[in-house]
Protein backbone atom coordinates (compact mmCIF):
# COMPACT_ATOMS: atom_id res chain seq x y z
CA UNK A 1 0.00 0.00 0.00
CA UNK A 2 1.40 3.37 -1.00
CA UNK A 3 2.03 6.28 1.33
CA UNK A 4 -1.04 8.20 0.13
CA UNK A 5 -3.27 5.17 0.73
CA UNK A 6 -1.92 4.83 4.27
CA UNK A 7 -2.75 8.47 4.96
CA UNK A 8 -6.30 7.93 3.72
CA UNK A 9 -6.69 4.90 6.00
CA UNK A 10 -5.42 6.87 9.00
CA UNK A 11 -7.75 9.78 8.26
CA UNK A 12 -10.74 7.43 8.00
CA UNK A 13 -9.77 5.65 11.20
CA UNK A 14 -9.67 8.97 13.04
CA UNK A 15 -12.86 10.35 11.52
CA UNK A 16 -15.04 11.64 14.33
CA UNK A 17 -12.19 11.56 16.83
CA UNK A 18 -12.29 14.65 19.03
CA UNK A 19 -9.38 16.37 20.70
CA UNK A 20 -9.03 14.96 24.18
CA UNK A 21 -9.64 17.65 26.79
CA UNK A 22 -7.30 17.72 29.78
CA UNK A 23 -8.58 15.73 32.69
CA UNK A 24 -10.15 17.88 35.42
CA UNK A 25 -7.98 18.56 38.43
CA UNK A 26 -9.57 18.79 41.85
CA UNK A 27 -9.04 22.15 43.58
CA UNK A 28 -6.80 22.14 46.63
CA UNK A 29 -8.58 21.54 49.95
CA UNK A 30 -9.97 24.75 51.39
CA UNK A 31 -10.22 26.45 48.00
CA UNK A 32 -12.83 29.20 47.63
CA UNK A 33 -16.11 28.07 46.13
CA UNK A 34 -17.45 28.84 42.68
CA UNK A 35 -20.03 31.12 44.30
CA UNK A 36 -17.32 33.08 46.15
CA UNK A 37 -15.19 33.60 43.06
CA UNK A 38 -18.25 34.48 40.96
CA UNK A 39 -19.37 37.05 43.55
CA UNK A 40 -15.98 38.77 43.28
CA UNK A 41 -16.19 38.68 39.48
CA UNK A 42 -19.55 40.41 39.71
CA UNK A 43 -17.97 43.27 41.67
CA UNK A 44 -14.81 43.95 39.69
CA UNK A 45 -14.56 46.44 36.83
CA UNK A 46 -13.54 45.06 33.42
CA UNK A 47 -11.68 47.03 30.75
CA UNK A 48 -10.74 45.98 27.24
CA UNK A 49 -6.96 45.97 27.64
CA UNK A 50 -4.19 47.13 29.93
CA UNK A 51 -3.29 50.79 29.32
CA UNK A 52 0.31 51.99 29.41
CA UNK A 53 0.45 55.51 30.84
CA UNK A 54 4.21 55.39 31.39
CA UNK A 55 6.12 56.75 34.35
CA UNK A 56 6.43 53.54 36.36
CA UNK A 57 9.72 53.52 38.25
CA UNK A 58 9.99 51.27 41.28
CA UNK A 59 13.56 52.09 42.29
CA UNK A 60 14.19 54.48 45.16
CA UNK A 61 17.82 55.45 44.59
CA UNK A 62 18.74 59.06 43.97
CA UNK A 63 17.00 60.31 40.85
CA UNK A 64 14.57 57.38 40.67
CA UNK A 65 10.80 57.68 40.87
CA UNK A 66 10.18 55.42 43.91
CA UNK A 67 6.50 55.45 42.90
CA UNK A 68 5.44 52.82 45.48
CA UNK A 69 7.78 54.01 48.22
CA UNK A 70 10.77 52.20 49.74
CA UNK A 71 10.52 48.43 49.52
CA UNK A 72 8.95 46.72 52.55
CA UNK A 73 8.58 49.94 54.49
CA UNK A 74 7.14 49.76 58.00
CA UNK A 75 6.14 53.42 57.75
CA UNK A 76 2.69 52.78 56.32
CA UNK A 77 -0.91 52.48 57.47
CA UNK A 78 -1.17 49.02 55.86
CA UNK A 79 -1.87 46.07 58.20
CA UNK A 80 1.34 45.39 60.12
CA UNK A 81 2.63 48.90 59.58
CA UNK A 82 4.33 50.80 62.39
CA UNK A 83 4.98 47.60 64.34
CA UNK A 84 8.76 47.91 64.20
CA UNK A 85 9.19 45.04 61.69
CA UNK A 86 9.62 45.38 57.94
CA UNK A 87 6.90 44.02 55.64
CA UNK A 88 8.99 41.16 54.20
CA UNK A 89 9.62 39.68 57.64
CA UNK A 90 5.96 40.12 58.55
CA UNK A 91 4.94 38.11 55.46
CA UNK A 92 7.47 35.37 56.20
CA UNK A 93 6.30 35.15 59.81
CA UNK A 94 2.70 34.86 58.67
CA UNK A 95 3.24 32.19 56.01
CA UNK A 96 6.13 30.01 57.17
CA UNK A 97 5.48 27.17 59.55
CA UNK A 98 7.97 26.36 62.29
CA UNK A 99 9.32 29.89 61.86
CA UNK A 100 12.37 30.78 63.95
CA UNK A 101 13.14 34.43 64.59
CA UNK A 102 16.19 36.36 65.64
CA UNK A 103 14.93 38.95 68.04
CA UNK A 104 11.33 40.09 67.63
CA UNK A 105 11.22 40.55 63.84
CA UNK A 106 13.82 38.78 61.73
CA UNK A 107 12.76 35.36 60.43
CA UNK A 108 15.85 33.17 60.06
CA UNK A 109 14.32 29.83 59.10
CA UNK A 110 11.10 27.95 58.51
CA UNK A 111 9.19 26.04 55.83
CA UNK A 112 6.99 27.59 53.15
CA UNK A 113 4.24 25.69 51.38
CA UNK A 114 4.36 27.63 48.14
CA UNK A 115 0.85 28.91 47.33
CA UNK A 116 1.56 28.80 43.60
CA UNK A 117 3.22 25.38 43.27
CA UNK A 118 2.01 23.51 46.35
CA UNK A 119 5.56 22.39 47.13
CA UNK A 120 7.45 22.86 50.39
CA UNK A 121 10.49 25.14 50.36
CA UNK A 122 12.91 25.24 53.28
CA UNK A 123 13.83 28.81 54.18
CA UNK A 124 17.10 29.95 55.71
CA UNK A 125 17.98 33.60 55.91
CA UNK A 126 21.44 32.87 54.50
CA UNK A 127 19.69 31.75 51.29
CA UNK A 128 16.86 34.24 51.65
CA UNK A 129 16.67 34.99 47.93
CA UNK A 130 15.21 31.53 47.32
CA UNK A 131 11.91 32.83 48.69
CA UNK A 132 10.57 36.12 47.39
CA UNK A 133 7.49 38.18 48.22
CA UNK A 134 5.01 38.47 45.36
CA UNK A 135 2.51 41.24 44.84
CA UNK A 136 -0.53 39.22 43.77
CA UNK A 137 -1.79 42.17 41.75
CA UNK A 138 1.60 43.29 40.39
CA UNK A 139 2.81 46.79 41.14
CA UNK A 140 3.50 47.60 37.49
CA UNK A 141 0.06 46.36 36.48
CA UNK A 142 -1.57 48.37 39.26
CA UNK A 143 0.29 51.47 38.10
CA UNK A 144 -0.98 50.99 34.56
CA UNK A 145 -4.53 50.22 35.70
CA UNK A 146 -4.97 53.33 37.82
CA UNK A 147 -2.44 53.56 40.66
CA UNK A 148 -0.50 56.21 38.72
CA UNK A 149 -3.29 58.60 39.75
CA UNK A 150 -3.28 57.61 43.44
CA UNK A 151 -1.72 59.73 46.18
CA UNK A 152 1.67 58.41 47.37
CA UNK A 153 0.22 57.21 50.70
CA UNK A 154 -2.24 54.90 48.94
CA UNK A 155 0.47 53.45 46.70
CA UNK A 156 2.69 52.82 49.74
CA UNK A 157 -0.17 51.04 51.50
CA UNK A 158 -0.89 48.92 48.43
CA UNK A 159 2.75 47.83 48.10
CA UNK A 160 2.84 46.70 51.75
CA UNK A 161 -0.69 45.36 52.28
CA UNK A 162 0.05 41.89 53.61
CA UNK A 163 -3.63 41.32 54.39
CA UNK A 164 -4.58 40.97 50.72
CA UNK A 165 -1.76 41.57 48.25
CA UNK A 166 1.40 39.81 49.43
CA UNK A 167 2.40 36.14 49.21
CA UNK A 168 5.73 34.44 49.79
CA UNK A 169 6.67 32.15 46.89
CA UNK A 170 9.71 30.55 45.30
CA UNK A 171 12.16 32.74 43.40
CA UNK A 172 11.70 31.00 40.04
CA UNK A 173 7.91 31.17 40.26
CA UNK A 174 7.91 34.84 41.22
CA UNK A 175 10.26 35.71 38.39
CA UNK A 176 8.22 33.74 35.85
CA UNK A 177 5.13 35.69 36.90
CA UNK A 178 6.77 39.09 36.64
CA UNK A 179 4.09 41.76 36.23
CA UNK A 180 1.71 39.44 34.36
CA UNK A 181 -1.99 39.34 35.15
CA UNK A 182 -4.28 36.26 35.06
CA UNK A 183 -4.86 36.49 31.31
CA UNK A 184 -1.11 35.94 30.87
CA UNK A 185 -0.03 33.85 33.86
CA UNK A 186 -1.55 31.33 36.24
CA UNK A 187 0.07 29.34 39.07
CA UNK A 188 1.90 26.21 37.90
CA UNK A 189 -0.22 24.06 40.26
CA UNK A 190 -3.72 23.83 38.78
CA UNK A 191 -5.29 22.81 42.13
CA UNK A 192 -4.28 26.27 43.40
CA UNK A 193 -6.03 28.24 40.64
CA UNK A 194 -9.23 28.89 42.62
CA UNK A 195 -7.20 30.28 45.51
CA UNK A 196 -5.24 32.55 43.17
CA UNK A 197 -8.35 33.75 41.34
CA UNK A 198 -10.07 34.73 44.58
CA UNK A 199 -6.91 36.35 45.92
CA UNK A 200 -6.36 38.42 42.78
CA UNK A 201 -9.98 39.53 42.63
CA UNK A 202 -10.00 40.41 46.34
CA UNK A 203 -7.14 42.84 45.75
CA UNK A 204 -8.83 44.30 42.67
CA UNK A 205 -12.10 44.89 44.52
CA UNK A 206 -10.43 46.24 47.68
CA UNK A 207 -8.47 48.85 45.70
CA UNK A 208 -10.98 49.44 42.91
CA UNK A 209 -8.53 48.23 40.28
CA UNK A 210 -9.93 46.80 37.05
CA UNK A 211 -9.13 43.56 35.26
CA UNK A 212 -8.75 43.19 31.51
CA UNK A 213 -11.12 41.28 29.26
CA UNK A 214 -8.47 38.55 28.97
CA UNK A 215 -8.17 38.37 32.76
CA UNK A 216 -11.95 38.22 33.04
CA UNK A 217 -12.15 35.27 30.63
CA UNK A 218 -9.37 33.37 32.42
CA UNK A 219 -10.90 33.96 35.84
CA UNK A 220 -14.38 32.89 34.69
CA UNK A 221 -12.83 29.69 33.33
CA UNK A 222 -11.26 29.07 36.73
CA UNK A 223 -14.47 29.85 38.61
CA UNK A 224 -16.23 27.03 36.75
CA UNK A 225 -13.71 24.55 38.21
CA UNK A 226 -14.08 25.68 41.81
CA UNK A 227 -15.98 23.51 44.31
């Protein structure tokens, strides 16, 4: 049988075959429900696409914009502010189990269950860069979506709001996310998608920040998988 005949046979054999959809993955225990995520989606503003007003400059060295204030500042009215500990250590203390501190503030070791991968990461201050603090709703995205018009005090609060917008995660995961929003990036662990969707939307609603149409589509897809 010639090559062309073989191709015809294969095409006929596969006639009516559909593309196999990925098997559903159960959400992680304790994930927000479909109703909870949908309620947040009902509250958030949706815009067509991310604008780019320009002017975003995170650095705070001489001559730099420092548009969200010094990194991990304690001088803020965000939860945990003015407690004598910097924001990074407050996040580590809140998320790491078996956390050991030096003095009242500095976390020197512990174990993080990464909220984006579901894996455990041992933390030691000597290798502190292995765990980074992620802004769930990225600072650059927030700037583009409206924070450029906020007063400096509100931007400083947003950057240090550990109650809604900050999560410790692994270095590689944080760097892969960058300033992407849900239409562009989702956690590597699919069971954690409902958690991430609710977390992202909670920040958006709390600070009246919009999501893009692409974000909206991705988050609605996630909501349908939630328990």
